[in-house]
């Protein structure tokens, strides 16, 4: 039976006990009991709160902040160059599944087909050193309407940057944190750190781990915002809890 840590009254239908918000280890029947018990509990409360924070901070995450491939459900590699972000649905797909999807689309198209792809790879002098170069050249010759997202099956636009930005803006309008973080990265690369900070803040507020890490870097270096070590540490900890490898 659960009792109040101060007066010892037991919890029943008429009395509901509230847990200490800091340490989560004791319960009280009223604010008065909590205040009366505070001098006896303060030291232990701080110790337990710090231990709880460390448990959360150093707990092994289920996966990295990137999660799993939406197609094959395998963990995505930490090297982000080996996965692809789909702007239409903000889903991450490993390059293997993306390539397989593209080859399927090639096979469905009237021309060129998989047989053409095989002949290019066989006859190419660069096939041994860089076979993907010729595959990419083949895909570039395809009608763009044939390429679709492997997850949501929406048509993909691979070489129209303005069209891709429009698609990202549609995702942002529905409060997609991944799209917001992506837009922040783009503004950051362009040198607009203030706008990047705004996008990162919105994405972090919606729980994006990468945005927390990037915010920490901005606060640490004073890019687009005043230097703030405490905020930098806070966002770095949130990124570490979310499984970001650099933060951990």
Protein backbone atom coordinates (compact mmCIF):
# COMPACT_ATOMS: atom_id res chain seq x y z
CA UNK A 1 0.00 0.00 0.00
CA UNK A 2 1.33 3.44 -0.97
CA UNK A 3 1.51 6.06 1.78
CA UNK A 4 2.33 9.76 2.01
CA UNK A 5 6.04 10.21 2.80
CA UNK A 6 5.25 13.00 5.29
CA UNK A 7 2.11 12.13 7.26
CA UNK A 8 1.86 8.43 6.42
CA UNK A 9 -1.75 8.53 5.24
CA UNK A 10 -2.61 5.72 2.84
CA UNK A 11 -3.93 6.26 -0.66
CA UNK A 12 -7.60 5.39 -1.14
CA UNK A 13 -10.59 6.40 -3.26
CA UNK A 14 -10.85 9.75 -1.50
CA UNK A 15 -7.13 10.57 -1.34
CA UNK A 16 -4.84 10.60 -4.38
CA UNK A 17 -1.10 10.81 -3.79
CA UNK A 18 1.16 12.83 -6.11
CA UNK A 19 4.70 11.75 -6.99
CA UNK A 20 7.68 14.04 -6.38
CA UNK A 21 8.41 15.50 -9.83
CA UNK A 22 12.19 15.59 -9.27
CA UNK A 23 13.14 12.13 -7.96
CA UNK A 24 9.95 10.13 -8.69
CA UNK A 25 10.67 8.03 -5.58
CA UNK A 26 8.23 9.39 -2.94
CA UNK A 27 4.60 10.50 -2.93
CA UNK A 28 2.61 13.11 -1.02
CA UNK A 29 -1.05 13.67 -0.25
CA UNK A 30 -0.82 17.49 -0.42
CA UNK A 31 1.51 20.38 -1.18
CA UNK A 32 1.69 21.13 2.57
CA UNK A 33 3.04 17.64 3.29
CA UNK A 34 5.56 18.03 0.49
CA UNK A 35 6.82 21.34 1.92
CA UNK A 36 6.97 19.92 5.46
CA UNK A 37 8.95 16.90 4.28
CA UNK A 38 11.27 18.89 2.02
CA UNK A 39 14.06 19.52 4.63
CA UNK A 40 14.32 15.76 5.31
CA UNK A 41 14.05 14.75 1.67
CA UNK A 42 16.05 17.49 -0.12
CA UNK A 43 19.45 15.78 -0.12
CA UNK A 44 18.13 12.37 -1.12
CA UNK A 45 15.86 13.98 -3.73
CA UNK A 46 18.78 15.71 -5.48
CA UNK A 47 20.85 12.53 -5.41
CA UNK A 48 18.05 10.39 -6.82
CA UNK A 49 17.19 13.01 -9.47
CA UNK A 50 20.82 13.04 -10.65
CA UNK A 51 20.89 9.23 -10.75
CA UNK A 52 17.65 9.14 -12.75
CA UNK A 53 19.06 11.67 -15.20
CA UNK A 54 22.21 9.60 -15.67
CA UNK A 55 20.13 6.46 -16.21
CA UNK A 56 18.25 8.17 -19.03
CA UNK A 57 21.36 9.82 -20.48
CA UNK A 58 23.57 6.70 -20.56
CA UNK A 59 20.88 4.17 -21.38
CA UNK A 60 21.59 2.23 -24.57
CA UNK A 61 19.16 3.54 -27.23
CA UNK A 62 17.13 1.06 -29.26
CA UNK A 63 18.74 2.39 -32.45
CA UNK A 64 20.57 5.42 -33.78
CA UNK A 65 18.72 8.69 -34.36
CA UNK A 66 18.31 7.67 -38.01
CA UNK A 67 16.16 4.65 -37.14
CA UNK A 68 15.49 1.81 -39.58
CA UNK A 69 15.01 1.68 -43.33
CA UNK A 70 11.29 2.00 -44.06
CA UNK A 71 11.46 -0.72 -46.74
CA UNK A 72 13.71 -3.53 -45.43
CA UNK A 73 13.46 -2.53 -41.73
CA UNK A 74 17.24 -2.90 -41.27
CA UNK A 75 19.05 -0.28 -39.11
CA UNK A 76 20.31 2.60 -41.24
CA UNK A 77 24.07 3.06 -41.35
CA UNK A 78 25.54 6.02 -39.49
CA UNK A 79 27.09 7.24 -42.74
CA UNK A 80 24.20 9.34 -44.06
CA UNK A 81 25.60 9.11 -47.59
CA UNK A 82 24.45 5.47 -47.60
CA UNK A 83 20.79 6.35 -47.16
CA UNK A 84 18.35 8.61 -49.01
CA UNK A 85 15.74 10.99 -47.63
CA UNK A 86 12.50 10.97 -49.63
CA UNK A 87 11.22 14.58 -49.79
CA UNK A 88 7.65 13.51 -50.54
CA UNK A 89 7.15 11.67 -47.22
CA UNK A 90 10.37 12.46 -45.25
CA UNK A 91 11.19 8.76 -44.92
CA UNK A 92 14.76 7.47 -44.86
CA UNK A 93 15.50 4.56 -47.19
CA UNK A 94 18.82 2.74 -47.45
CA UNK A 95 20.62 3.08 -50.78
CA UNK A 96 20.19 -0.65 -51.45
CA UNK A 97 16.40 -0.43 -51.32
CA UNK A 98 16.46 2.82 -53.29
CA UNK A 99 18.61 1.20 -56.00
CA UNK A 100 16.39 -1.88 -56.06
CA UNK A 101 13.33 0.33 -56.48
CA UNK A 102 14.98 2.21 -59.33
CA UNK A 103 15.91 -1.02 -61.09
CA UNK A 104 12.31 -2.22 -60.74
CA UNK A 105 11.10 1.00 -62.33
CA UNK A 106 13.63 0.52 -65.14
CA UNK A 107 12.35 -3.01 -65.70
CA UNK A 108 8.76 -1.78 -65.92
CA UNK A 109 9.61 0.95 -68.38
CA UNK A 110 9.38 0.07 -72.09
CA UNK A 111 12.93 1.32 -72.64
CA UNK A 112 15.62 0.93 -71.43
CA UNK A 113 15.31 -2.36 -69.54
CA UNK A 114 17.37 -4.48 -67.18
CA UNK A 115 18.99 -6.24 -70.15
CA UNK A 116 20.26 -2.86 -71.35
CA UNK A 117 21.56 -2.14 -67.87
CA UNK A 118 23.41 -5.46 -67.81
CA UNK A 119 25.00 -4.84 -71.19
CA UNK A 120 26.19 -1.38 -70.12
CA UNK A 121 27.80 -2.82 -66.98
CA UNK A 122 29.43 -5.63 -68.99
CA UNK A 123 30.84 -3.45 -71.77
CA UNK A 124 31.84 -0.45 -69.66
CA UNK A 125 35.53 0.03 -68.94
CA UNK A 126 34.68 1.77 -65.66
CA UNK A 127 32.36 -0.99 -64.44
CA UNK A 128 35.03 -2.55 -62.23
CA UNK A 129 36.06 0.74 -60.64
CA UNK A 130 32.74 2.59 -60.49
CA UNK A 131 29.75 0.60 -61.78
CA UNK A 132 27.27 3.05 -60.27
CA UNK A 133 28.48 5.76 -62.66
CA UNK A 134 26.93 3.95 -65.63
CA UNK A 135 23.81 3.03 -63.67
CA UNK A 136 23.33 6.70 -62.85
CA UNK A 137 23.82 7.59 -66.54
CA UNK A 138 21.13 5.09 -67.47
CA UNK A 139 18.69 6.46 -64.91
CA UNK A 140 19.27 9.99 -66.16
CA UNK A 141 18.06 8.91 -69.61
CA UNK A 142 14.80 7.59 -68.18
CA UNK A 143 11.53 9.56 -68.19
CA UNK A 144 11.28 11.15 -64.74
CA UNK A 145 7.64 10.14 -64.27
CA UNK A 146 8.72 6.49 -64.08
CA UNK A 147 10.71 6.98 -60.87
CA UNK A 148 8.57 6.79 -57.75
CA UNK A 149 9.20 6.87 -54.02
CA UNK A 150 9.64 3.29 -52.74
CA UNK A 151 7.57 4.10 -49.64
CA UNK A 152 4.61 6.29 -50.66
CA UNK A 153 4.88 5.70 -54.45
CA UNK A 154 4.70 9.39 -55.30
CA UNK A 155 6.54 10.50 -58.49
CA UNK A 156 10.09 11.64 -57.79
CA UNK A 157 11.88 14.69 -59.14
CA UNK A 158 15.62 14.06 -58.92
CA UNK A 159 17.18 17.06 -60.64
CA UNK A 160 14.73 19.91 -60.07
CA UNK A 161 15.87 21.62 -56.86
CA UNK A 162 12.99 24.12 -56.85
CA UNK A 163 10.47 21.30 -57.15
CA UNK A 164 12.13 19.43 -54.28
CA UNK A 165 11.97 22.58 -52.11
CA UNK A 166 8.25 22.92 -52.85
CA UNK A 167 7.72 19.33 -51.74
CA UNK A 168 9.67 19.98 -48.53
CA UNK A 169 7.56 23.08 -47.84
CA UNK A 170 4.43 20.94 -48.10
CA UNK A 171 5.90 18.62 -45.49
CA UNK A 172 6.75 21.61 -43.29
CA UNK A 173 3.15 22.83 -43.51
CA UNK A 174 2.04 19.61 -41.81
CA UNK A 175 4.67 20.08 -39.05
CA UNK A 176 7.13 17.44 -40.24
CA UNK A 177 10.26 17.83 -38.02
CA UNK A 178 12.51 15.98 -40.50
CA UNK A 179 11.62 18.42 -43.28
CA UNK A 180 12.14 21.37 -40.92
CA UNK A 181 15.59 20.11 -39.93
CA UNK A 182 16.47 19.54 -43.60
CA UNK A 183 15.44 23.10 -44.44
CA UNK A 184 17.53 24.37 -41.52
CA UNK A 185 20.57 22.49 -42.84
CA UNK A 186 20.10 24.05 -46.26
CA UNK A 187 19.88 27.57 -44.81
CA UNK A 188 22.93 26.82 -42.65
CA UNK A 189 24.94 25.81 -45.72
CA UNK A 190 23.89 29.06 -47.39
CA UNK A 191 25.29 31.00 -44.41
CA UNK A 192 21.92 32.11 -43.00
CA UNK A 193 22.49 30.86 -39.44
CA UNK A 194 19.62 32.88 -37.91
CA UNK A 195 17.02 31.26 -40.17
CA UNK A 196 18.68 27.88 -39.66
CA UNK A 197 18.39 28.39 -35.90
CA UNK A 198 14.64 29.02 -36.24
CA UNK A 199 14.11 25.84 -38.26
CA UNK A 200 16.24 23.77 -35.88
CA UNK A 201 14.29 25.12 -32.90
CA UNK A 202 10.95 24.16 -34.46
CA UNK A 203 12.22 20.70 -35.38
CA UNK A 204 13.73 20.12 -31.92
CA UNK A 205 10.45 21.19 -30.34
CA UNK A 206 8.78 18.37 -32.28
CA UNK A 207 11.36 15.86 -31.04
CA UNK A 208 13.90 15.69 -33.88
CA UNK A 209 17.19 14.36 -32.46
CA UNK A 210 19.41 15.74 -35.24
CA UNK A 211 17.93 19.21 -34.68
CA UNK A 212 18.88 19.04 -30.98
CA UNK A 213 22.47 18.22 -31.92
CA UNK A 214 22.69 21.02 -34.49
CA UNK A 215 21.17 23.49 -32.03
CA UNK A 216 23.82 22.51 -29.51
CA UNK A 217 26.53 23.29 -32.07
CA UNK A 218 24.98 26.70 -32.81
CA UNK A 219 24.83 27.62 -29.12
CA UNK A 220 28.38 26.37 -28.58
CA UNK A 221 29.87 28.34 -31.49
CA UNK A 222 27.56 31.37 -31.29
CA UNK A 223 26.35 31.01 -34.88
CA UNK A 224 23.12 32.93 -35.44
CA UNK A 225 22.59 33.14 -31.68
CA UNK A 226 24.49 34.23 -28.58
CA UNK A 227 26.82 31.66 -27.05
CA UNK A 228 25.11 29.76 -24.26
CA UNK A 229 26.97 26.82 -22.72
CA UNK A 230 24.02 25.65 -20.60
CA UNK A 231 21.67 25.49 -23.59
CA UNK A 232 24.37 23.81 -25.64
CA UNK A 233 24.77 21.10 -22.99
CA UNK A 234 20.99 20.67 -22.69
CA UNK A 235 20.49 20.12 -26.42
CA UNK A 236 23.55 17.87 -26.60
CA UNK A 237 22.09 15.70 -23.82
CA UNK A 238 18.74 15.50 -25.61
CA UNK A 239 20.55 14.43 -28.77
CA UNK A 240 22.50 11.79 -26.82
CA UNK A 241 19.30 10.42 -25.29
CA UNK A 242 17.84 10.21 -28.79
CA UNK A 243 20.78 8.08 -29.95
CA UNK A 244 22.81 10.63 -31.94
CA UNK A 245 26.30 9.04 -32.20
CA UNK A 246 28.28 12.32 -32.21
CA UNK A 247 26.40 13.57 -29.15
CA UNK A 248 27.00 10.32 -27.28
